């Protein structure tokens, strides 16, 4: 049974656990995890670091030993997808600069699930998003079982239940858009494609920015630029329009196809309504 911070210390001192053996137990658990990081017969530690995107300068971070051990205990057939999830998580941990697992509070996880996993991911897809949610739930449960998570799983699992569908809906917006365009360029050449589209538009007005869906029309949505506050009526195919709920925000390029009528030329990122405040903070826009 997990001993909580304010519970009586199991050593019998009469003090609260946080004022007695908590720090000693944390040190012991960390030493135990570190002792398990011997070279795997099937996968060397350096290879694991590479798969998880852990650089040499990060080797002493508080999270490294746990992530490596969790990865080593995973099933062989799950490691490729798990490596992608944990690599994205490592990027987020570095970006947020938390120094302990205890600092990873509910807001930390909400930002990760609603905003940062979409912002940091090179390619978004429903399958990858679902896998990421599953892997984070599994990891936090594992961390709690080691005695190092402080019941973190009780924060993460409910958040996943709450945020998974809105996030997946925003991902469907992006996927549906990509299925409805002709993209002659290989993945990774987004800037080349964007420049080509702008050149092809010629004298037709185009604008690039961050757009929030604030209303609906018969054949599209009403969007407001978060940077200029200007409003645009953007035509969308039905299947895309259904995934663009009010409050959904996308980053991309739009062009005017008729007076006061626009369409999306390029779409880079799509975020659910729950990411609104994090996105505004990231681009320096007042709430």
C-alpha atoms as a PDB file:
ATOM      1  CA  UNK A   1       0.000   0.000   0.000  1.00  0.00           C
ATOM      2  CA  UNK A   2       1.328   3.455  -0.904  1.00  0.00           C
ATOM      3  CA  UNK A   3       2.092   5.679   2.079  1.00  0.00           C
ATOM      4  CA  UNK A   4       0.861   9.249   1.574  1.00  0.00           C
ATOM      5  CA  UNK A   5       2.889  12.289   2.609  1.00  0.00           C
ATOM      6  CA  UNK A   6       0.687  13.154   5.584  1.00  0.00           C
ATOM      7  CA  UNK A   7       0.250   9.571   6.828  1.00  0.00           C
ATOM      8  CA  UNK A   8       2.027   8.413  10.005  1.00  0.00           C
ATOM      9  CA  UNK A   9       5.514   7.208   9.091  1.00  0.00           C
ATOM     10  CA  UNK A  10       5.692   3.369   8.881  1.00  0.00           C
ATOM     11  CA  UNK A  11       8.912   3.406  10.916  1.00  0.00           C
ATOM     12  CA  UNK A  12       6.866   4.087  14.045  1.00  0.00           C
ATOM     13  CA  UNK A  13       8.469   7.400  14.936  1.00  0.00           C
ATOM     14  CA  UNK A  14       5.102   9.073  15.398  1.00  0.00           C
ATOM     15  CA  UNK A  15       5.979  11.743  12.836  1.00  0.00           C
ATOM     16  CA  UNK A  16       4.264  12.313   9.500  1.00  0.00           C
ATOM     17  CA  UNK A  17       5.838  10.400   6.637  1.00  0.00           C
ATOM     18  CA  UNK A  18       6.903  13.637   4.848  1.00  0.00           C
ATOM     19  CA  UNK A  19       8.783  14.799   7.953  1.00  0.00           C
ATOM     20  CA  UNK A  20      10.490  11.486   8.567  1.00  0.00           C
ATOM     21  CA  UNK A  21      11.405   8.786   6.036  1.00  0.00           C
ATOM     22  CA  UNK A  22      10.020  10.205   2.780  1.00  0.00           C
ATOM     23  CA  UNK A  23      13.310  11.614   1.467  1.00  0.00           C
ATOM     24  CA  UNK A  24      15.257   8.536   2.552  1.00  0.00           C
ATOM     25  CA  UNK A  25      12.784   6.256   0.763  1.00  0.00           C
ATOM     26  CA  UNK A  26      12.974   8.388  -2.386  1.00  0.00           C
ATOM     27  CA  UNK A  27      16.748   8.065  -2.389  1.00  0.00           C
ATOM     28  CA  UNK A  28      16.501   4.326  -1.858  1.00  0.00           C
ATOM     29  CA  UNK A  29      14.000   3.947  -4.723  1.00  0.00           C
ATOM     30  CA  UNK A  30      16.196   5.978  -7.057  1.00  0.00           C
ATOM     31  CA  UNK A  31      19.229   3.839  -6.172  1.00  0.00           C
ATOM     32  CA  UNK A  32      17.143   0.726  -6.814  1.00  0.00           C
ATOM     33  CA  UNK A  33      16.069   1.973 -10.231  1.00  0.00           C
ATOM     34  CA  UNK A  34      19.640   2.959 -11.102  1.00  0.00           C
ATOM     35  CA  UNK A  35      20.911  -0.472 -10.081  1.00  0.00           C
ATOM     36  CA  UNK A  36      18.562  -2.039 -12.628  1.00  0.00           C
ATOM     37  CA  UNK A  37      20.064  -0.115 -15.510  1.00  0.00           C
ATOM     38  CA  UNK A  38      22.647  -2.745 -16.384  1.00  0.00           C
ATOM     39  CA  UNK A  39      23.128  -3.440 -20.078  1.00  0.00           C
ATOM     40  CA  UNK A  40      20.288  -5.415 -21.611  1.00  0.00           C
ATOM     41  CA  UNK A  41      21.313  -8.532 -23.550  1.00  0.00           C
ATOM     42  CA  UNK A  42      19.026  -7.461 -26.408  1.00  0.00           C
ATOM     43  CA  UNK A  43      19.252  -3.696 -26.356  1.00  0.00           C
ATOM     44  CA  UNK A  44      22.169  -1.650 -25.091  1.00  0.00           C
ATOM     45  CA  UNK A  45      21.470   1.363 -22.898  1.00  0.00           C
ATOM     46  CA  UNK A  46      22.947   3.727 -25.482  1.00  0.00           C
ATOM     47  CA  UNK A  47      20.443   2.411 -28.011  1.00  0.00           C
ATOM     48  CA  UNK A  48      17.594   3.021 -25.561  1.00  0.00           C
ATOM     49  CA  UNK A  49      18.780   6.578 -25.030  1.00  0.00           C
ATOM     50  CA  UNK A  50      18.757   7.067 -28.780  1.00  0.00           C
ATOM     51  CA  UNK A  51      15.258   5.613 -29.143  1.00  0.00           C
ATOM     52  CA  UNK A  52      13.922   7.852 -26.385  1.00  0.00           C
ATOM     53  CA  UNK A  53      15.673  10.972 -27.645  1.00  0.00           C
ATOM     54  CA  UNK A  54      17.779  11.289 -24.493  1.00  0.00           C
ATOM     55  CA  UNK A  55      21.041  13.165 -25.071  1.00  0.00           C
ATOM     56  CA  UNK A  56      24.199  12.627 -23.058  1.00  0.00           C
ATOM     57  CA  UNK A  57      23.785  15.940 -21.222  1.00  0.00           C
ATOM     58  CA  UNK A  58      20.355  14.758 -20.016  1.00  0.00           C
ATOM     59  CA  UNK A  59      21.581  11.478 -18.541  1.00  0.00           C
ATOM     60  CA  UNK A  60      21.348  12.677 -14.930  1.00  0.00           C
ATOM     61  CA  UNK A  61      17.853  14.141 -15.212  1.00  0.00           C
ATOM     62  CA  UNK A  62      15.379  12.866 -12.615  1.00  0.00           C
ATOM     63  CA  UNK A  63      13.189  11.157 -15.210  1.00  0.00           C
ATOM     64  CA  UNK A  64      15.807   9.252 -17.224  1.00  0.00           C
ATOM     65  CA  UNK A  65      16.242   6.170 -15.024  1.00  0.00           C
ATOM     66  CA  UNK A  66      12.484   5.639 -14.787  1.00  0.00           C
ATOM     67  CA  UNK A  67      11.818   6.022 -18.509  1.00  0.00           C
ATOM     68  CA  UNK A  68      14.676   3.718 -19.450  1.00  0.00           C
ATOM     69  CA  UNK A  69      13.577   1.054 -16.976  1.00  0.00           C
ATOM     70  CA  UNK A  70       9.954   1.279 -18.104  1.00  0.00           C
ATOM     71  CA  UNK A  71      11.076   0.898 -21.708  1.00  0.00           C
ATOM     72  CA  UNK A  72      13.257  -2.104 -20.863  1.00  0.00           C
ATOM     73  CA  UNK A  73      10.359  -3.831 -19.142  1.00  0.00           C
ATOM     74  CA  UNK A  74       8.029  -3.307 -22.119  1.00  0.00           C
ATOM     75  CA  UNK A  75       7.247  -6.027 -24.650  1.00  0.00           C
ATOM     76  CA  UNK A  76       9.496  -6.227 -27.698  1.00  0.00           C
ATOM     77  CA  UNK A  77       6.617  -5.774 -30.153  1.00  0.00           C
ATOM     78  CA  UNK A  78       5.502  -2.567 -28.387  1.00  0.00           C
ATOM     79  CA  UNK A  79       8.860  -0.833 -28.240  1.00  0.00           C
ATOM     80  CA  UNK A  80       8.802   1.027 -31.536  1.00  0.00           C
ATOM     81  CA  UNK A  81       5.528   2.825 -30.765  1.00  0.00           C
ATOM     82  CA  UNK A  82       6.488   3.233 -27.101  1.00  0.00           C
ATOM     83  CA  UNK A  83       9.797   4.793 -28.107  1.00  0.00           C
ATOM     84  CA  UNK A  84       7.953   7.425 -30.144  1.00  0.00           C
ATOM     85  CA  UNK A  85       5.665   8.250 -27.221  1.00  0.00           C
ATOM     86  CA  UNK A  86       8.471   8.472 -24.694  1.00  0.00           C
ATOM     87  CA  UNK A  87      10.653  10.522 -27.034  1.00  0.00           C
ATOM     88  CA  UNK A  88       7.866  13.083 -27.342  1.00  0.00           C
ATOM     89  CA  UNK A  89       7.458  13.011 -23.555  1.00  0.00           C
ATOM     90  CA  UNK A  90      11.185  13.655 -23.096  1.00  0.00           C
ATOM     91  CA  UNK A  91      10.912  16.733 -25.345  1.00  0.00           C
ATOM     92  CA  UNK A  92       8.074  18.000 -23.184  1.00  0.00           C
ATOM     93  CA  UNK A  93       9.906  17.329 -19.922  1.00  0.00           C
ATOM     94  CA  UNK A  94      12.895  19.276 -21.187  1.00  0.00           C
ATOM     95  CA  UNK A  95      10.728  22.127 -22.402  1.00  0.00           C
ATOM     96  CA  UNK A  96       8.846  22.434 -19.108  1.00  0.00           C
ATOM     97  CA  UNK A  97      12.008  22.137 -17.005  1.00  0.00           C
ATOM     98  CA  UNK A  98      10.329  20.337 -14.091  1.00  0.00           C
ATOM     99  CA  UNK A  99      12.887  19.066 -11.577  1.00  0.00           C
ATOM    100  CA  UNK A 100      10.942  16.288  -9.823  1.00  0.00           C
ATOM    101  CA  UNK A 101       7.943  14.089 -10.499  1.00  0.00           C
ATOM    102  CA  UNK A 102       6.188  15.909  -7.670  1.00  0.00           C
ATOM    103  CA  UNK A 103       6.341  19.100  -9.739  1.00  0.00           C
ATOM    104  CA  UNK A 104       4.326  17.388 -12.484  1.00  0.00           C
ATOM    105  CA  UNK A 105       0.900  18.510 -11.273  1.00  0.00           C
ATOM    106  CA  UNK A 106      -2.481  18.420 -13.001  1.00  0.00           C
ATOM    107  CA  UNK A 107      -1.733  21.511 -15.082  1.00  0.00           C
ATOM    108  CA  UNK A 108       1.518  19.899 -16.268  1.00  0.00           C
ATOM    109  CA  UNK A 109      -0.397  16.889 -17.600  1.00  0.00           C
ATOM    110  CA  UNK A 110      -3.306  18.915 -18.986  1.00  0.00           C
ATOM    111  CA  UNK A 111      -0.918  21.040 -21.025  1.00  0.00           C
ATOM    112  CA  UNK A 112       0.849  17.925 -22.299  1.00  0.00           C
ATOM    113  CA  UNK A 113      -2.335  16.165 -23.423  1.00  0.00           C
ATOM    114  CA  UNK A 114      -4.317  19.123 -24.765  1.00  0.00           C
ATOM    115  CA  UNK A 115      -1.533  21.164 -26.345  1.00  0.00           C
ATOM    116  CA  UNK A 116       2.117  20.146 -26.230  1.00  0.00           C
ATOM    117  CA  UNK A 117       1.863  16.608 -27.599  1.00  0.00           C
ATOM    118  CA  UNK A 118       0.236  18.099 -30.715  1.00  0.00           C
ATOM    119  CA  UNK A 119       2.616  21.039 -30.864  1.00  0.00           C
ATOM    120  CA  UNK A 120       5.774  18.934 -30.492  1.00  0.00           C
ATOM    121  CA  UNK A 121       4.730  16.001 -32.654  1.00  0.00           C
ATOM    122  CA  UNK A 122       6.286  16.037 -36.108  1.00  0.00           C
ATOM    123  CA  UNK A 123       3.308  14.194 -37.577  1.00  0.00           C
ATOM    124  CA  UNK A 124      -0.119  13.909 -36.026  1.00  0.00           C
ATOM    125  CA  UNK A 125      -2.375  10.906 -36.514  1.00  0.00           C
ATOM    126  CA  UNK A 126      -5.237   9.327 -34.626  1.00  0.00           C
ATOM    127  CA  UNK A 127      -3.293   6.097 -34.105  1.00  0.00           C
ATOM    128  CA  UNK A 128      -0.233   7.867 -32.697  1.00  0.00           C
ATOM    129  CA  UNK A 129      -2.364  10.046 -30.452  1.00  0.00           C
ATOM    130  CA  UNK A 130      -4.231   7.062 -29.012  1.00  0.00           C
ATOM    131  CA  UNK A 131      -0.946   5.239 -28.443  1.00  0.00           C
ATOM    132  CA  UNK A 132       0.495   8.263 -26.661  1.00  0.00           C
ATOM    133  CA  UNK A 133      -2.437   8.467 -24.269  1.00  0.00           C
ATOM    134  CA  UNK A 134      -2.237   4.731 -23.550  1.00  0.00           C
ATOM    135  CA  UNK A 135       1.513   4.870 -22.962  1.00  0.00           C
ATOM    136  CA  UNK A 136       1.271   7.812 -20.561  1.00  0.00           C
ATOM    137  CA  UNK A 137      -1.427   6.058 -18.526  1.00  0.00           C
ATOM    138  CA  UNK A 138       0.666   2.882 -18.425  1.00  0.00           C
ATOM    139  CA  UNK A 139       3.837   4.745 -17.461  1.00  0.00           C
ATOM    140  CA  UNK A 140       2.276   6.728 -14.617  1.00  0.00           C
ATOM    141  CA  UNK A 141       0.667   3.565 -13.231  1.00  0.00           C
ATOM    142  CA  UNK A 142       4.056   1.849 -13.425  1.00  0.00           C
ATOM    143  CA  UNK A 143       5.710   4.824 -11.723  1.00  0.00           C
ATOM    144  CA  UNK A 144       3.169   4.680  -8.899  1.00  0.00           C
ATOM    145  CA  UNK A 145       3.833   0.960  -8.504  1.00  0.00           C
ATOM    146  CA  UNK A 146       7.521   1.744  -7.990  1.00  0.00           C
ATOM    147  CA  UNK A 147       6.541   4.090  -5.169  1.00  0.00           C
ATOM    148  CA  UNK A 148       7.875   7.107  -7.055  1.00  0.00           C
ATOM    149  CA  UNK A 149       4.765   8.622  -8.646  1.00  0.00           C
ATOM    150  CA  UNK A 150       2.850   9.844  -5.614  1.00  0.00           C
ATOM    151  CA  UNK A 151      -0.414   8.470  -7.072  1.00  0.00           C
ATOM    152  CA  UNK A 152       0.242  10.327 -10.319  1.00  0.00           C
ATOM    153  CA  UNK A 153      -1.844   7.740 -12.160  1.00  0.00           C
ATOM    154  CA  UNK A 154      -4.914   9.025 -10.346  1.00  0.00           C
ATOM    155  CA  UNK A 155      -4.356  12.388 -12.026  1.00  0.00           C
ATOM    156  CA  UNK A 156      -3.428  11.103 -15.474  1.00  0.00           C
ATOM    157  CA  UNK A 157      -6.095   8.454 -16.100  1.00  0.00           C
ATOM    158  CA  UNK A 158      -9.086  10.806 -15.504  1.00  0.00           C
ATOM    159  CA  UNK A 159      -7.449  13.526 -17.616  1.00  0.00           C
ATOM    160  CA  UNK A 160      -7.014  11.085 -20.485  1.00  0.00           C
ATOM    161  CA  UNK A 161     -10.682  10.103 -20.248  1.00  0.00           C
ATOM    162  CA  UNK A 162     -11.640  13.769 -20.350  1.00  0.00           C
ATOM    163  CA  UNK A 163      -9.284  15.002 -23.081  1.00  0.00           C
ATOM    164  CA  UNK A 164      -8.791  12.076 -25.442  1.00  0.00           C
ATOM    165  CA  UNK A 165     -11.891  12.608 -27.591  1.00  0.00           C
ATOM    166  CA  UNK A 166     -11.492  16.398 -28.050  1.00  0.00           C
ATOM    167  CA  UNK A 167      -7.852  15.891 -28.982  1.00  0.00           C
ATOM    168  CA  UNK A 168      -8.687  13.080 -31.408  1.00  0.00           C
ATOM    169  CA  UNK A 169     -11.348  15.274 -32.998  1.00  0.00           C
ATOM    170  CA  UNK A 170      -8.767  17.967 -33.703  1.00  0.00           C
ATOM    171  CA  UNK A 171      -6.449  15.333 -35.167  1.00  0.00           C
ATOM    172  CA  UNK A 172      -9.284  14.123 -37.412  1.00  0.00           C
ATOM    173  CA  UNK A 173      -9.598  17.697 -38.709  1.00  0.00           C
ATOM    174  CA  UNK A 174      -5.961  17.577 -39.802  1.00  0.00           C
ATOM    175  CA  UNK A 175      -6.187  14.044 -41.213  1.00  0.00           C
ATOM    176  CA  UNK A 176      -9.345  14.806 -43.197  1.00  0.00           C
ATOM    177  CA  UNK A 177      -7.743  17.913 -44.640  1.00  0.00           C
ATOM    178  CA  UNK A 178      -4.669  16.003 -45.754  1.00  0.00           C
ATOM    179  CA  UNK A 179      -6.858  13.366 -47.406  1.00  0.00           C
ATOM    180  CA  UNK A 180      -8.678  16.036 -49.386  1.00  0.00           C
ATOM    181  CA  UNK A 181      -5.691  17.775 -50.969  1.00  0.00           C
ATOM    182  CA  UNK A 182      -3.131  16.905 -53.578  1.00  0.00           C
ATOM    183  CA  UNK A 183       0.271  16.999 -51.932  1.00  0.00           C
ATOM    184  CA  UNK A 184       3.090  16.367 -54.406  1.00  0.00           C
ATOM    185  CA  UNK A 185       5.795  16.857 -51.775  1.00  0.00           C
ATOM    186  CA  UNK A 186       7.328  14.345 -49.434  1.00  0.00           C
ATOM    187  CA  UNK A 187       6.746  14.677 -45.710  1.00  0.00           C
ATOM    188  CA  UNK A 188       9.214  17.150 -44.251  1.00  0.00           C
ATOM    189  CA  UNK A 189       9.041  19.645 -47.102  1.00  0.00           C
ATOM    190  CA  UNK A 190       6.243  21.750 -45.651  1.00  0.00           C
ATOM    191  CA  UNK A 191       7.997  25.065 -46.217  1.00  0.00           C
ATOM    192  CA  UNK A 192       8.676  24.226 -49.855  1.00  0.00           C
ATOM    193  CA  UNK A 193       5.039  23.343 -50.350  1.00  0.00           C
ATOM    194  CA  UNK A 194       3.905  26.542 -48.633  1.00  0.00           C
ATOM    195  CA  UNK A 195       6.125  28.749 -50.821  1.00  0.00           C
ATOM    196  CA  UNK A 196       4.837  26.994 -53.936  1.00  0.00           C
ATOM    197  CA  UNK A 197       1.210  27.476 -52.909  1.00  0.00           C
ATOM    198  CA  UNK A 198       1.772  31.181 -52.255  1.00  0.00           C
ATOM    199  CA  UNK A 199       3.437  31.583 -55.650  1.00  0.00           C
ATOM    200  CA  UNK A 200       0.576  29.746 -57.352  1.00  0.00           C
ATOM    201  CA  UNK A 201      -1.938  32.048 -55.635  1.00  0.00           C
ATOM    202  CA  UNK A 202      -0.351  34.985 -57.437  1.00  0.00           C
ATOM    203  CA  UNK A 203      -2.399  38.128 -56.834  1.00  0.00           C
ATOM    204  CA  UNK A 204      -5.050  36.256 -54.853  1.00  0.00           C
ATOM    205  CA  UNK A 205      -4.955  37.429 -51.208  1.00  0.00           C
ATOM    206  CA  UNK A 206      -3.462  34.926 -48.776  1.00  0.00           C
ATOM    207  CA  UNK A 207      -2.894  35.149 -45.056  1.00  0.00           C
ATOM    208  CA  UNK A 208      -1.010  32.973 -42.632  1.00  0.00           C
ATOM    209  CA  UNK A 209      -1.661  32.680 -38.925  1.00  0.00           C
ATOM    210  CA  UNK A 210      -3.414  31.066 -35.990  1.00  0.00           C
ATOM    211  CA  UNK A 211      -7.185  30.847 -36.459  1.00  0.00           C
ATOM    212  CA  UNK A 212      -9.838  29.974 -33.903  1.00  0.00           C
ATOM    213  CA  UNK A 213     -13.216  28.602 -35.012  1.00  0.00           C
ATOM    214  CA  UNK A 214     -15.826  30.943 -33.524  1.00  0.00           C
ATOM    215  CA  UNK A 215     -18.923  30.015 -35.526  1.00  0.00           C
ATOM    216  CA  UNK A 216     -20.405  27.990 -38.371  1.00  0.00           C
ATOM    217  CA  UNK A 217     -21.841  28.641 -41.821  1.00  0.00           C
ATOM    218  CA  UNK A 218     -23.679  26.379 -44.249  1.00  0.00           C
ATOM    219  CA  UNK A 219     -20.501  25.463 -46.118  1.00  0.00           C
ATOM    220  CA  UNK A 220     -17.782  26.353 -43.657  1.00  0.00           C
ATOM    221  CA  UNK A 221     -16.766  27.982 -40.428  1.00  0.00           C
ATOM    222  CA  UNK A 222     -16.158  31.489 -39.148  1.00  0.00           C
ATOM    223  CA  UNK A 223     -12.589  31.901 -37.901  1.00  0.00           C
ATOM    224  CA  UNK A 224     -10.830  34.693 -36.057  1.00  0.00           C
ATOM    225  CA  UNK A 225      -7.108  35.299 -36.314  1.00  0.00           C
ATOM    226  CA  UNK A 226      -5.631  35.281 -32.821  1.00  0.00           C
ATOM    227  CA  UNK A 227      -2.916  37.678 -33.957  1.00  0.00           C
ATOM    228  CA  UNK A 228      -4.891  40.311 -35.912  1.00  0.00           C
ATOM    229  CA  UNK A 229      -8.437  39.729 -34.557  1.00  0.00           C
ATOM    230  CA  UNK A 230      -9.705  39.772 -38.152  1.00  0.00           C
ATOM    231  CA  UNK A 231     -12.538  37.371 -39.021  1.00  0.00           C
ATOM    232  CA  UNK A 232     -12.669  35.048 -42.024  1.00  0.00           C
ATOM    233  CA  UNK A 233     -15.390  32.808 -43.445  1.00  0.00           C
ATOM    234  CA  UNK A 234     -13.541  29.644 -44.430  1.00  0.00           C
ATOM    235  CA  UNK A 235     -15.150  27.044 -46.697  1.00  0.00           C
ATOM    236  CA  UNK A 236     -14.586  23.449 -45.607  1.00  0.00           C
ATOM    237  CA  UNK A 237     -15.752  20.104 -47.010  1.00  0.00           C
ATOM    238  CA  UNK A 238     -18.484  18.532 -44.870  1.00  0.00           C
ATOM    239  CA  UNK A 239     -16.247  15.820 -43.400  1.00  0.00           C
ATOM    240  CA  UNK A 240     -13.708  18.421 -42.280  1.00  0.00           C
ATOM    241  CA  UNK A 241     -16.349  20.861 -41.056  1.00  0.00           C
ATOM    242  CA  UNK A 242     -17.771  18.207 -38.725  1.00  0.00           C
ATOM    243  CA  UNK A 243     -14.408  17.900 -36.987  1.00  0.00           C
ATOM    244  CA  UNK A 244     -13.996  21.669 -36.585  1.00  0.00           C
ATOM    245  CA  UNK A 245     -15.979  22.348 -33.425  1.00  0.00           C
ATOM    246  CA  UNK A 246     -16.249  25.808 -31.902  1.00  0.00           C
ATOM    247  CA  UNK A 247     -13.035  26.691 -30.072  1.00  0.00           C
ATOM    248  CA  UNK A 248     -10.879  24.501 -32.304  1.00  0.00           C
ATOM    249  CA  UNK A 249      -7.742  26.375 -33.349  1.00  0.00           C
ATOM    250  CA  UNK A 250      -5.563  25.729 -36.372  1.00  0.00           C
ATOM    251  CA  UNK A 251      -2.272  27.062 -37.660  1.00  0.00           C
ATOM    252  CA  UNK A 252      -2.034  27.396 -41.404  1.00  0.00           C
ATOM    253  CA  UNK A 253      -2.361  29.381 -44.614  1.00  0.00           C
ATOM    254  CA  UNK A 254      -5.682  30.504 -46.134  1.00  0.00           C
ATOM    255  CA  UNK A 255      -6.507  32.209 -49.429  1.00  0.00           C
ATOM    256  CA  UNK A 256      -9.495  34.243 -50.627  1.00  0.00           C
ATOM    257  CA  UNK A 257     -11.440  32.355 -53.327  1.00  0.00           C
ATOM    258  CA  UNK A 258     -14.335  34.824 -53.569  1.00  0.00           C
ATOM    259  CA  UNK A 259     -15.275  38.073 -51.860  1.00  0.00           C
ATOM    260  CA  UNK A 260     -15.259  37.349 -48.108  1.00  0.00           C
ATOM    261  CA  UNK A 261     -14.818  33.607 -48.808  1.00  0.00           C
ATOM    262  CA  UNK A 262     -11.617  31.784 -47.938  1.00  0.00           C
ATOM    263  CA  UNK A 263     -10.252  28.260 -48.040  1.00  0.00           C
ATOM    264  CA  UNK A 264      -7.335  26.514 -46.362  1.00  0.00           C
ATOM    265  CA  UNK A 265      -4.219  26.226 -48.506  1.00  0.00           C
ATOM    266  CA  UNK A 266      -1.905  24.623 -45.947  1.00  0.00           C
ATOM    267  CA  UNK A 267      -2.639  23.217 -42.508  1.00  0.00           C
ATOM    268  CA  UNK A 268       0.173  22.688 -39.991  1.00  0.00           C
ATOM    269  CA  UNK A 269      -1.394  22.092 -36.579  1.00  0.00           C
ATOM    270  CA  UNK A 270      -4.877  21.707 -35.120  1.00  0.00           C
ATOM    271  CA  UNK A 271      -5.673  22.043 -31.403  1.00  0.00           C
ATOM    272  CA  UNK A 272      -8.824  21.299 -29.382  1.00  0.00           C
ATOM    273  CA  UNK A 273     -10.678  24.019 -27.422  1.00  0.00           C
ATOM    274  CA  UNK A 274      -8.957  22.794 -24.248  1.00  0.00           C
ATOM    275  CA  UNK A 275      -5.602  23.989 -25.652  1.00  0.00           C
ATOM    276  CA  UNK A 276      -6.792  27.582 -26.065  1.00  0.00           C
ATOM    277  CA  UNK A 277      -5.021  29.208 -23.118  1.00  0.00           C
ATOM    278  CA  UNK A 278      -1.774  27.267 -23.621  1.00  0.00           C
ATOM    279  CA  UNK A 279      -1.694  28.201 -27.307  1.00  0.00           C
ATOM    280  CA  UNK A 280      -2.379  31.863 -26.609  1.00  0.00           C
ATOM    281  CA  UNK A 281       0.404  31.906 -24.037  1.00  0.00           C
ATOM    282  CA  UNK A 282       2.787  30.252 -26.508  1.00  0.00           C
ATOM    283  CA  UNK A 283       2.200  32.888 -29.198  1.00  0.00           C
ATOM    284  CA  UNK A 284       2.087  35.797 -26.758  1.00  0.00           C
ATOM    285  CA  UNK A 285      -1.593  36.686 -27.097  1.00  0.00           C
ATOM    286  CA  UNK A 286      -3.571  38.012 -24.146  1.00  0.00           C
ATOM    287  CA  UNK A 287      -6.462  35.837 -23.037  1.00  0.00           C
END
